[in-house]
N, C-alpha and C. Protein backbone atom coordinates (compact mmCIF):
# COMPACT_ATOMS: atom_id res chain seq x y z
N UNK A 1 69.62 43.41 131.10
CA UNK A 1 69.81 42.52 129.97
C UNK A 1 68.52 42.43 129.14
N UNK A 2 68.70 42.30 127.84
CA UNK A 2 67.55 42.36 126.94
C UNK A 2 67.03 40.97 126.57
N UNK A 3 65.76 40.95 126.26
CA UNK A 3 65.10 39.75 125.77
C UNK A 3 65.57 39.54 124.31
N UNK A 4 65.82 38.28 123.93
CA UNK A 4 66.26 37.97 122.58
C UNK A 4 65.22 37.09 121.89
N UNK A 5 64.87 37.42 120.66
CA UNK A 5 63.90 36.65 119.92
C UNK A 5 64.44 36.32 118.52
N UNK A 6 63.92 35.25 117.94
CA UNK A 6 64.27 34.87 116.57
C UNK A 6 63.22 35.47 115.66
N UNK A 7 63.65 36.25 114.69
CA UNK A 7 62.71 36.97 113.83
C UNK A 7 62.68 36.50 112.38
N UNK A 8 63.61 35.64 112.00
CA UNK A 8 63.62 35.13 110.61
C UNK A 8 64.33 33.80 110.52
N UNK A 9 63.88 32.98 109.62
CA UNK A 9 64.45 31.64 109.44
C UNK A 9 64.90 31.40 108.00
N UNK A 10 65.95 30.61 107.87
CA UNK A 10 66.42 30.20 106.56
C UNK A 10 66.98 28.79 106.64
N UNK A 11 66.84 28.01 105.60
CA UNK A 11 67.28 26.60 105.67
C UNK A 11 67.56 26.02 104.29
N UNK A 12 68.65 25.32 104.19
CA UNK A 12 68.97 24.47 103.02
C UNK A 12 69.32 23.12 103.63
N UNK A 13 68.57 22.09 103.35
CA UNK A 13 68.74 20.81 104.02
C UNK A 13 68.57 19.65 103.04
N UNK A 14 68.91 18.42 103.45
CA UNK A 14 68.67 17.27 102.59
C UNK A 14 67.19 17.03 102.27
N UNK A 15 66.31 17.71 102.99
CA UNK A 15 64.86 17.58 102.70
C UNK A 15 64.34 18.66 101.74
N UNK A 16 65.11 19.72 101.56
CA UNK A 16 64.64 20.77 100.63
C UNK A 16 65.47 22.02 100.67
N UNK A 17 65.15 22.93 99.78
CA UNK A 17 65.96 24.13 99.64
C UNK A 17 65.46 25.34 100.43
N UNK A 18 64.44 25.15 101.27
CA UNK A 18 63.93 26.27 102.06
C UNK A 18 63.27 25.71 103.32
N UNK A 19 62.86 26.63 104.22
CA UNK A 19 62.25 26.23 105.48
C UNK A 19 60.93 25.50 105.30
N UNK A 20 60.06 26.07 104.49
CA UNK A 20 58.74 25.51 104.33
C UNK A 20 58.76 24.09 103.76
N UNK A 21 59.59 23.87 102.74
CA UNK A 21 59.71 22.54 102.14
C UNK A 21 60.32 21.56 103.14
N UNK A 22 61.39 21.97 103.78
CA UNK A 22 62.04 21.11 104.77
C UNK A 22 61.08 20.69 105.88
N UNK A 23 60.33 21.66 106.42
CA UNK A 23 59.40 21.36 107.52
C UNK A 23 58.26 20.46 107.06
N UNK A 24 57.67 20.73 105.91
CA UNK A 24 56.54 19.94 105.45
C UNK A 24 56.97 18.51 105.16
N UNK A 25 58.15 18.32 104.58
CA UNK A 25 58.62 16.99 104.33
C UNK A 25 59.04 16.25 105.58
N UNK A 26 59.55 17.02 106.56
CA UNK A 26 59.91 16.42 107.84
C UNK A 26 58.70 15.88 108.60
N UNK A 27 57.64 16.69 108.72
CA UNK A 27 56.46 16.22 109.44
C UNK A 27 55.68 15.15 108.70
N UNK A 28 55.96 15.05 107.38
CA UNK A 28 55.34 13.99 106.57
C UNK A 28 56.11 12.68 106.68
N UNK A 29 57.24 12.71 107.41
CA UNK A 29 58.06 11.50 107.60
C UNK A 29 59.02 11.20 106.49
N UNK A 30 59.30 12.16 105.63
CA UNK A 30 60.22 11.93 104.54
C UNK A 30 61.65 11.87 105.04
N UNK A 31 62.53 11.22 104.29
CA UNK A 31 63.92 11.08 104.65
C UNK A 31 64.78 11.80 103.61
N UNK A 32 65.82 12.52 104.08
CA UNK A 32 66.75 13.16 103.14
C UNK A 32 67.94 12.28 102.82
N UNK A 33 68.01 11.10 103.38
CA UNK A 33 69.13 10.19 103.16
C UNK A 33 68.89 9.39 101.87
N UNK A 34 69.88 9.37 101.03
CA UNK A 34 69.79 8.66 99.77
C UNK A 34 71.14 8.15 99.29
N UNK A 35 71.16 7.31 98.27
CA UNK A 35 72.45 6.83 97.77
C UNK A 35 73.37 7.93 97.28
N UNK A 36 74.68 7.79 97.52
CA UNK A 36 75.65 8.81 97.10
C UNK A 36 76.04 8.55 95.64
N UNK A 37 75.13 8.95 94.76
CA UNK A 37 75.37 8.68 93.33
C UNK A 37 76.45 9.56 92.71
N UNK A 38 76.75 10.69 93.34
CA UNK A 38 77.73 11.60 92.73
C UNK A 38 79.17 11.26 93.14
N UNK A 39 79.35 10.21 93.95
CA UNK A 39 80.67 9.76 94.34
C UNK A 39 80.84 8.31 93.97
N UNK A 40 82.09 7.90 93.74
CA UNK A 40 82.40 6.49 93.61
C UNK A 40 82.48 5.86 94.98
N UNK A 41 81.48 5.07 95.32
CA UNK A 41 81.41 4.43 96.65
C UNK A 41 81.69 2.93 96.57
N UNK A 42 82.24 2.48 95.44
CA UNK A 42 82.42 1.04 95.24
C UNK A 42 83.31 0.38 96.32
N UNK A 43 84.29 1.18 96.83
CA UNK A 43 85.19 0.61 97.83
C UNK A 43 84.91 1.16 99.22
N UNK A 44 83.80 1.85 99.39
CA UNK A 44 83.47 2.46 100.69
C UNK A 44 82.40 1.65 101.40
N UNK A 45 82.52 1.51 102.72
CA UNK A 45 81.52 0.73 103.47
C UNK A 45 80.18 1.43 103.54
N UNK A 46 80.18 2.78 103.48
CA UNK A 46 78.92 3.54 103.56
C UNK A 46 78.64 4.14 102.18
N UNK A 47 77.42 3.94 101.71
CA UNK A 47 77.08 4.39 100.35
C UNK A 47 75.87 5.31 100.33
N UNK A 48 75.46 5.80 101.50
CA UNK A 48 74.32 6.71 101.63
C UNK A 48 74.72 7.91 102.44
N UNK A 49 73.95 9.01 102.28
CA UNK A 49 74.18 10.22 103.08
C UNK A 49 73.02 11.17 102.86
N UNK A 50 72.99 12.23 103.67
CA UNK A 50 71.99 13.28 103.49
C UNK A 50 72.57 14.38 102.68
N UNK A 51 72.40 14.35 101.40
CA UNK A 51 72.93 15.39 100.49
C UNK A 51 71.84 16.35 100.10
N UNK A 52 72.23 17.54 99.72
CA UNK A 52 71.25 18.60 99.34
C UNK A 52 70.64 18.25 97.96
N UNK A 53 69.30 18.22 97.89
CA UNK A 53 68.63 17.90 96.60
C UNK A 53 68.65 19.08 95.65
N UNK A 54 69.37 18.95 94.55
CA UNK A 54 69.48 20.02 93.59
C UNK A 54 68.34 19.93 92.57
N UNK A 55 67.86 21.11 92.15
CA UNK A 55 66.78 21.16 91.19
C UNK A 55 66.03 22.48 91.27
N UNK A 56 64.82 22.48 90.77
CA UNK A 56 64.02 23.69 90.70
C UNK A 56 63.54 24.12 92.09
N UNK A 57 63.61 25.42 92.36
CA UNK A 57 63.08 25.91 93.62
C UNK A 57 61.59 25.71 93.72
N UNK A 58 60.89 25.82 92.57
CA UNK A 58 59.45 25.66 92.57
C UNK A 58 59.01 24.29 93.05
N UNK A 59 59.90 23.32 92.86
CA UNK A 59 59.61 21.94 93.31
C UNK A 59 60.18 21.66 94.69
N UNK A 60 60.71 22.70 95.33
CA UNK A 60 61.21 22.56 96.71
C UNK A 60 62.66 22.12 96.81
N UNK A 61 63.36 22.09 95.67
CA UNK A 61 64.75 21.68 95.69
C UNK A 61 65.67 22.91 95.83
N UNK A 62 66.95 22.70 95.80
CA UNK A 62 67.90 23.82 95.95
C UNK A 62 68.52 24.12 94.60
N UNK A 63 68.39 25.38 94.18
CA UNK A 63 68.99 25.88 92.95
C UNK A 63 70.02 26.95 93.31
N UNK A 64 71.30 26.60 93.28
CA UNK A 64 72.33 27.57 93.69
C UNK A 64 72.32 28.83 92.85
N UNK A 65 71.90 28.74 91.58
CA UNK A 65 71.90 29.90 90.71
C UNK A 65 70.86 30.94 91.15
N UNK A 66 69.92 30.54 91.97
CA UNK A 66 68.90 31.47 92.46
C UNK A 66 69.47 32.35 93.55
N UNK A 67 70.62 32.00 94.09
CA UNK A 67 71.19 32.75 95.21
C UNK A 67 72.51 33.40 94.90
N UNK A 68 73.28 32.83 93.97
CA UNK A 68 74.58 33.38 93.58
C UNK A 68 74.81 33.17 92.11
N UNK A 69 75.49 34.13 91.48
CA UNK A 69 75.86 34.00 90.06
C UNK A 69 76.84 32.83 89.94
N UNK A 70 76.74 32.06 88.85
CA UNK A 70 77.65 30.93 88.64
C UNK A 70 79.14 31.30 88.80
N UNK A 71 79.54 32.49 88.30
CA UNK A 71 80.96 32.87 88.41
C UNK A 71 81.35 33.08 89.86
N UNK A 72 80.41 33.53 90.71
CA UNK A 72 80.72 33.68 92.13
C UNK A 72 80.79 32.32 92.83
N UNK A 73 79.93 31.41 92.42
CA UNK A 73 79.97 30.07 93.00
C UNK A 73 81.27 29.38 92.77
N UNK A 74 81.91 29.61 91.63
CA UNK A 74 83.20 28.98 91.29
C UNK A 74 84.31 29.41 92.24
N UNK A 75 84.10 30.55 92.93
CA UNK A 75 85.15 31.04 93.84
C UNK A 75 84.92 30.56 95.26
N UNK A 76 83.83 29.82 95.49
CA UNK A 76 83.46 29.46 96.85
C UNK A 76 83.28 27.96 96.99
N UNK A 77 83.58 27.44 98.17
CA UNK A 77 83.23 26.05 98.43
C UNK A 77 81.73 25.96 98.61
N UNK A 78 81.21 24.77 98.41
CA UNK A 78 79.78 24.54 98.47
C UNK A 78 79.16 24.92 99.80
N UNK A 79 79.89 24.76 100.93
CA UNK A 79 79.30 25.07 102.22
C UNK A 79 78.99 26.57 102.34
N UNK A 80 79.81 27.44 101.73
CA UNK A 80 79.52 28.86 101.74
C UNK A 80 78.31 29.20 100.89
N UNK A 81 78.17 28.53 99.77
CA UNK A 81 76.97 28.72 98.93
C UNK A 81 75.70 28.38 99.70
N UNK A 82 75.72 27.22 100.36
CA UNK A 82 74.56 26.83 101.19
C UNK A 82 74.30 27.87 102.27
N UNK A 83 75.35 28.29 102.94
CA UNK A 83 75.19 29.24 104.05
C UNK A 83 74.66 30.58 103.61
N UNK A 84 75.15 31.10 102.48
CA UNK A 84 74.67 32.38 101.94
C UNK A 84 73.17 32.27 101.62
N UNK A 85 72.79 31.15 100.99
CA UNK A 85 71.39 30.96 100.62
C UNK A 85 70.50 30.95 101.87
N UNK A 86 70.90 30.19 102.90
CA UNK A 86 70.11 30.11 104.11
C UNK A 86 70.06 31.47 104.83
N UNK A 87 71.18 32.16 104.87
CA UNK A 87 71.23 33.47 105.53
C UNK A 87 70.35 34.49 104.80
N UNK A 88 70.36 34.42 103.48
CA UNK A 88 69.52 35.32 102.67
C UNK A 88 68.04 35.08 102.95
N UNK A 89 67.68 33.81 103.03
CA UNK A 89 66.29 33.45 103.39
C UNK A 89 65.91 34.01 104.76
N UNK A 90 66.82 33.89 105.73
CA UNK A 90 66.55 34.37 107.08
C UNK A 90 66.39 35.89 107.10
N UNK A 91 67.26 36.60 106.42
CA UNK A 91 67.18 38.06 106.38
C UNK A 91 65.86 38.49 105.72
N UNK A 92 65.50 37.86 104.60
CA UNK A 92 64.29 38.21 103.92
C UNK A 92 63.06 37.89 104.80
N UNK A 93 63.12 36.77 105.48
CA UNK A 93 62.00 36.37 106.34
C UNK A 93 61.82 37.34 107.52
N UNK A 94 62.92 37.87 108.02
CA UNK A 94 62.86 38.78 109.15
C UNK A 94 62.38 40.17 108.74
N UNK A 95 62.64 40.56 107.48
CA UNK A 95 62.27 41.89 107.04
C UNK A 95 63.24 42.95 107.48
N UNK A 96 64.38 42.53 108.06
CA UNK A 96 65.35 43.49 108.58
C UNK A 96 66.17 44.13 107.49
N UNK A 97 66.23 45.45 107.45
CA UNK A 97 67.09 46.18 106.53
C UNK A 97 67.88 47.18 107.38
N UNK A 98 69.19 47.04 107.36
CA UNK A 98 70.04 47.99 108.12
C UNK A 98 70.25 49.23 107.23
N UNK A 99 69.43 50.24 107.47
CA UNK A 99 69.40 51.43 106.58
C UNK A 99 70.40 52.49 106.96
N UNK A 100 70.70 52.61 108.25
CA UNK A 100 71.60 53.66 108.71
C UNK A 100 72.94 53.10 109.13
N UNK A 101 73.98 53.93 109.20
CA UNK A 101 75.28 53.42 109.68
C UNK A 101 75.20 52.84 111.08
N UNK A 102 74.35 53.40 111.91
CA UNK A 102 74.18 52.88 113.28
C UNK A 102 73.59 51.49 113.25
N UNK A 103 72.60 51.27 112.41
CA UNK A 103 71.98 49.95 112.27
C UNK A 103 72.96 48.95 111.70
N UNK A 104 73.78 49.37 110.75
CA UNK A 104 74.78 48.49 110.17
C UNK A 104 75.82 48.08 111.22
N UNK A 105 76.21 49.06 112.04
CA UNK A 105 77.21 48.80 113.09
C UNK A 105 76.68 47.86 114.18
N UNK A 106 75.35 47.81 114.34
CA UNK A 106 74.77 46.99 115.38
C UNK A 106 74.14 45.70 114.84
N UNK A 107 74.47 45.40 113.58
CA UNK A 107 74.01 44.11 112.99
C UNK A 107 75.22 43.27 112.68
N UNK A 108 75.28 42.09 113.26
CA UNK A 108 76.42 41.20 113.08
C UNK A 108 76.07 39.89 112.39
N UNK A 109 77.08 39.07 112.17
CA UNK A 109 76.94 37.76 111.59
C UNK A 109 77.77 36.79 112.41
N UNK A 110 77.17 35.67 112.81
CA UNK A 110 77.87 34.64 113.57
C UNK A 110 77.48 33.29 113.02
N UNK A 111 78.24 32.84 112.02
CA UNK A 111 77.94 31.56 111.35
C UNK A 111 79.22 30.71 111.32
N UNK A 112 79.05 29.41 111.45
CA UNK A 112 80.21 28.56 111.48
C UNK A 112 80.06 27.31 110.63
N UNK A 113 81.00 26.40 110.81
CA UNK A 113 81.00 25.12 110.08
C UNK A 113 81.86 24.15 110.85
N UNK A 114 81.51 22.90 110.83
CA UNK A 114 82.28 21.89 111.55
C UNK A 114 83.63 21.65 110.93
N UNK A 115 83.69 21.69 109.57
CA UNK A 115 84.94 21.38 108.91
C UNK A 115 85.24 22.30 107.72
N UNK A 116 84.30 23.15 107.35
CA UNK A 116 84.55 24.12 106.30
C UNK A 116 84.66 23.51 104.90
N UNK A 117 85.55 24.05 104.09
CA UNK A 117 85.60 23.67 102.67
C UNK A 117 86.32 22.40 102.37
N UNK A 118 85.90 21.32 102.92
CA UNK A 118 86.60 20.01 102.75
C UNK A 118 86.61 19.58 101.29
N UNK A 119 85.50 19.79 100.60
CA UNK A 119 85.41 19.38 99.20
C UNK A 119 86.48 20.07 98.37
N UNK A 120 86.59 21.36 98.52
CA UNK A 120 87.59 22.13 97.76
C UNK A 120 89.01 21.79 98.19
N UNK A 121 89.21 21.50 99.47
CA UNK A 121 90.53 21.11 99.95
C UNK A 121 90.97 19.80 99.28
N UNK A 122 90.05 18.82 99.25
CA UNK A 122 90.34 17.54 98.63
C UNK A 122 90.67 17.70 97.13
N UNK A 123 89.82 18.47 96.44
CA UNK A 123 90.01 18.65 95.00
C UNK A 123 91.31 19.41 94.70
N UNK A 124 91.63 20.39 95.50
CA UNK A 124 92.85 21.18 95.27
C UNK A 124 94.10 20.39 95.56
N UNK A 125 94.04 19.50 96.57
CA UNK A 125 95.19 18.64 96.87
C UNK A 125 95.49 17.70 95.69
N UNK A 126 94.44 17.15 95.06
CA UNK A 126 94.60 16.29 93.90
C UNK A 126 95.17 17.09 92.74
N UNK A 127 94.62 18.30 92.53
CA UNK A 127 95.11 19.15 91.44
C UNK A 127 96.60 19.45 91.61
N UNK A 128 97.00 19.79 92.85
CA UNK A 128 98.39 20.09 93.12
C UNK A 128 99.29 18.92 92.77
N UNK A 129 98.89 17.72 93.17
CA UNK A 129 99.74 16.54 92.91
C UNK A 129 99.77 16.14 91.45
N UNK A 130 98.64 16.25 90.78
CA UNK A 130 98.55 15.80 89.42
C UNK A 130 98.99 16.84 88.37
N UNK A 131 98.67 18.12 88.65
CA UNK A 131 98.90 19.14 87.63
C UNK A 131 99.86 20.23 88.04
N UNK A 132 100.21 20.28 89.32
CA UNK A 132 101.19 21.30 89.76
C UNK A 132 100.50 22.51 90.39
N UNK A 133 101.36 23.29 91.06
CA UNK A 133 100.86 24.41 91.86
C UNK A 133 100.15 25.49 91.04
N UNK A 134 100.61 25.66 89.78
CA UNK A 134 100.01 26.74 88.96
C UNK A 134 98.57 26.42 88.59
N UNK A 135 98.12 25.21 88.74
CA UNK A 135 96.75 24.86 88.41
C UNK A 135 95.81 24.99 89.59
N UNK A 136 96.34 25.27 90.78
CA UNK A 136 95.52 25.48 91.97
C UNK A 136 94.93 26.89 91.89
N UNK A 137 93.62 27.00 92.13
CA UNK A 137 92.95 28.28 92.02
C UNK A 137 93.50 29.30 93.02
N UNK A 138 93.66 30.56 92.59
CA UNK A 138 94.06 31.61 93.53
C UNK A 138 92.99 31.89 94.59
N UNK A 139 91.77 31.37 94.35
CA UNK A 139 90.68 31.54 95.30
C UNK A 139 90.63 30.37 96.31
N UNK A 140 91.61 29.49 96.23
CA UNK A 140 91.58 28.28 97.07
C UNK A 140 91.41 28.60 98.56
N UNK A 141 92.30 29.39 99.13
CA UNK A 141 92.25 29.70 100.57
C UNK A 141 90.96 30.43 100.97
N UNK A 142 90.61 31.57 100.31
CA UNK A 142 89.36 32.21 100.73
C UNK A 142 88.11 31.42 100.46
N UNK A 143 88.21 30.39 99.64
CA UNK A 143 87.00 29.59 99.35
C UNK A 143 86.74 28.51 100.42
N UNK A 144 87.74 28.22 101.23
CA UNK A 144 87.57 27.11 102.18
C UNK A 144 87.57 27.53 103.65
N UNK A 145 87.98 28.76 103.94
CA UNK A 145 88.05 29.19 105.34
C UNK A 145 86.64 29.30 105.97
N UNK A 146 86.52 28.77 107.17
CA UNK A 146 85.19 28.74 107.82
C UNK A 146 84.67 30.15 108.05
N UNK A 147 85.49 31.07 108.48
CA UNK A 147 84.99 32.40 108.81
C UNK A 147 84.56 33.21 107.58
N UNK A 148 84.92 32.74 106.35
CA UNK A 148 84.49 33.45 105.17
C UNK A 148 83.00 33.34 104.90
N UNK A 149 82.33 32.35 105.52
CA UNK A 149 80.86 32.30 105.41
C UNK A 149 80.25 33.54 106.07
N UNK A 150 80.61 33.85 107.30
CA UNK A 150 80.13 35.06 107.95
C UNK A 150 80.58 36.29 107.20
N UNK A 151 81.80 36.26 106.71
CA UNK A 151 82.31 37.42 105.94
C UNK A 151 81.48 37.72 104.72
N UNK A 152 81.16 36.74 103.92
CA UNK A 152 80.39 36.96 102.72
C UNK A 152 78.98 37.48 103.02
N UNK A 153 78.37 36.94 104.04
CA UNK A 153 77.02 37.43 104.42
C UNK A 153 77.09 38.88 104.87
N UNK A 154 78.11 39.22 105.65
CA UNK A 154 78.26 40.61 106.10
C UNK A 154 78.50 41.56 104.92
N UNK A 155 79.33 41.12 103.99
CA UNK A 155 79.62 41.97 102.82
C UNK A 155 78.38 42.15 101.97
N UNK A 156 77.61 41.10 101.79
CA UNK A 156 76.40 41.15 100.97
C UNK A 156 75.42 42.21 101.47
N UNK A 157 75.26 42.31 102.80
CA UNK A 157 74.28 43.21 103.37
C UNK A 157 74.88 44.46 104.01
N UNK A 158 76.18 44.57 104.06
CA UNK A 158 76.79 45.73 104.69
C UNK A 158 76.69 45.73 106.21
N UNK A 159 76.58 44.53 106.77
CA UNK A 159 76.53 44.42 108.24
C UNK A 159 77.94 44.62 108.82
N UNK A 160 78.11 45.54 109.74
CA UNK A 160 79.42 45.89 110.25
C UNK A 160 79.58 45.60 111.76
N UNK A 161 78.62 44.88 112.34
CA UNK A 161 78.69 44.53 113.75
C UNK A 161 79.62 43.36 113.97
N UNK A 162 79.51 42.70 115.13
CA UNK A 162 80.37 41.54 115.45
C UNK A 162 80.31 40.49 114.35
N UNK A 163 81.47 39.97 113.98
CA UNK A 163 81.54 38.98 112.91
C UNK A 163 82.43 37.82 113.41
N UNK A 164 81.82 36.67 113.61
CA UNK A 164 82.54 35.55 114.20
C UNK A 164 82.21 34.25 113.46
N UNK A 165 83.05 33.24 113.67
CA UNK A 165 82.79 31.90 113.16
C UNK A 165 82.96 30.89 114.30
N UNK A 166 82.02 30.02 114.44
CA UNK A 166 82.06 29.00 115.48
C UNK A 166 82.48 27.66 114.84
N UNK A 167 83.29 26.89 115.53
CA UNK A 167 83.70 25.57 115.04
C UNK A 167 83.60 24.60 116.23
N UNK A 168 82.48 23.91 116.31
CA UNK A 168 82.29 22.92 117.39
C UNK A 168 81.60 21.67 116.86
N UNK A 169 82.15 21.15 115.75
CA UNK A 169 81.65 19.94 115.13
C UNK A 169 80.16 20.01 114.89
N UNK A 170 79.38 18.97 115.29
CA UNK A 170 77.95 18.90 115.02
C UNK A 170 77.13 19.92 115.82
N UNK A 171 77.73 20.52 116.84
CA UNK A 171 77.02 21.50 117.65
C UNK A 171 77.23 22.92 117.16
N UNK A 172 77.91 23.10 116.05
CA UNK A 172 78.32 24.42 115.59
C UNK A 172 77.17 25.42 115.47
N UNK A 173 76.11 25.06 114.75
CA UNK A 173 75.02 25.98 114.55
C UNK A 173 74.31 26.32 115.85
N UNK A 174 74.14 25.32 116.72
CA UNK A 174 73.51 25.57 118.00
C UNK A 174 74.36 26.55 118.84
N UNK A 175 75.64 26.33 118.86
CA UNK A 175 76.52 27.25 119.60
C UNK A 175 76.50 28.66 118.99
N UNK A 176 76.41 28.72 117.66
CA UNK A 176 76.40 30.04 116.99
C UNK A 176 75.17 30.81 117.41
N UNK A 177 74.02 30.12 117.46
CA UNK A 177 72.78 30.79 117.87
C UNK A 177 72.86 31.23 119.35
N UNK A 178 73.41 30.36 120.19
CA UNK A 178 73.56 30.72 121.59
C UNK A 178 74.51 31.89 121.80
N UNK A 179 75.64 31.87 121.11
CA UNK A 179 76.59 32.97 121.24
C UNK A 179 76.01 34.27 120.72
N UNK A 180 75.26 34.18 119.62
CA UNK A 180 74.62 35.39 119.06
C UNK A 180 73.60 35.94 120.06
N UNK A 181 72.84 35.09 120.70
CA UNK A 181 71.86 35.54 121.67
C UNK A 181 72.55 36.29 122.82
N UNK A 182 73.70 35.79 123.26
CA UNK A 182 74.43 36.46 124.34
C UNK A 182 74.93 37.82 123.90
N UNK A 183 75.41 37.95 122.66
CA UNK A 183 75.91 39.24 122.16
C UNK A 183 74.77 40.26 122.13
N UNK A 184 73.56 39.83 121.73
CA UNK A 184 72.43 40.71 121.72
C UNK A 184 71.99 41.05 123.14
N UNK A 185 71.93 40.03 123.98
CA UNK A 185 71.50 40.19 125.37
C UNK A 185 72.31 41.23 126.11
N UNK A 186 73.60 41.20 125.88
CA UNK A 186 74.52 42.12 126.63
C UNK A 186 74.82 43.42 125.85
N UNK A 187 74.11 43.65 124.73
CA UNK A 187 74.21 44.94 124.07
C UNK A 187 75.31 45.12 123.07
N UNK A 188 76.00 44.04 122.69
CA UNK A 188 77.09 44.16 121.70
C UNK A 188 76.53 44.29 120.29
N UNK A 189 75.29 43.89 120.08
CA UNK A 189 74.61 43.99 118.80
C UNK A 189 73.10 44.02 119.04
N UNK A 190 72.38 44.52 118.05
CA UNK A 190 70.90 44.50 118.10
C UNK A 190 70.35 43.35 117.31
N UNK A 191 71.02 43.00 116.21
CA UNK A 191 70.60 41.94 115.31
C UNK A 191 71.80 41.11 114.91
N UNK A 192 71.67 39.80 114.87
CA UNK A 192 72.76 38.91 114.40
C UNK A 192 72.17 37.81 113.55
N UNK A 193 72.78 37.60 112.39
CA UNK A 193 72.44 36.44 111.55
C UNK A 193 73.29 35.30 112.07
N UNK A 194 72.63 34.20 112.54
CA UNK A 194 73.35 33.15 113.22
C UNK A 194 73.00 31.78 112.64
N UNK A 195 73.98 30.90 112.63
CA UNK A 195 73.73 29.52 112.19
C UNK A 195 75.01 28.87 111.66
N UNK A 196 74.87 27.99 110.70
CA UNK A 196 76.03 27.32 110.18
C UNK A 196 75.73 26.59 108.88
N UNK A 197 76.79 26.04 108.28
CA UNK A 197 76.63 25.33 107.01
C UNK A 197 77.71 24.28 106.86
N UNK A 198 77.40 23.23 106.12
CA UNK A 198 78.33 22.13 105.94
C UNK A 198 78.15 21.52 104.57
N UNK A 199 79.25 21.05 103.99
CA UNK A 199 79.19 20.33 102.71
C UNK A 199 80.35 19.33 102.72
N UNK A 200 80.29 18.31 103.54
CA UNK A 200 81.45 17.44 103.76
C UNK A 200 81.48 16.14 102.92
N UNK A 201 80.54 16.01 101.98
CA UNK A 201 80.41 14.72 101.30
C UNK A 201 81.50 14.52 100.23
N UNK A 202 82.60 13.96 100.67
CA UNK A 202 83.72 13.62 99.76
C UNK A 202 84.12 12.18 100.04
N UNK A 203 84.91 11.62 99.15
CA UNK A 203 85.38 10.25 99.38
C UNK A 203 86.24 10.18 100.65
N UNK A 204 87.01 11.23 100.91
CA UNK A 204 87.84 11.23 102.10
C UNK A 204 87.02 11.21 103.39
N UNK A 205 86.02 12.05 103.49
CA UNK A 205 85.22 12.13 104.72
C UNK A 205 84.24 10.98 104.85
């Protein structure tokens, strides 16, 4: 059995849009929890949450346009956008490039989500009831499925190894990293992009 190591990191969090910003703000004692200003919370008992800070990357915030074209973002739920950005950071940090077919076949993706595209599910349900089925996006299903996060990352880089999605609530990313380590340890892959993403801040949740 082989030794497994982590060679690259990526992060989009309520503290910042990358690993360095998140870590520096964390050790400085900063909090990512703030009022939910983008939702109507007038009738909700909880009015705060850890939401992703949007803004300039230079200021340590998250700019989705830096990772995906706006037209591509419209086809995806927010959790997939976050996951692609974090995975891209991790791949760049690792320096790994699967140049040969053999390397592509031995590079996998194992990323999950606790609940997937809840935001898009909620919005599409309202659209269906208010405007009818023809107004629901044809990208609805592929935009909300949890396994499409791993799928998009694999497509982006041409990784053709094991491709899985983990769903274990708040332990999802930890389980994804553990499962990825086992796949590498037992020789099913040489490299795996592992982790998870979530974007559950809706009035329903």
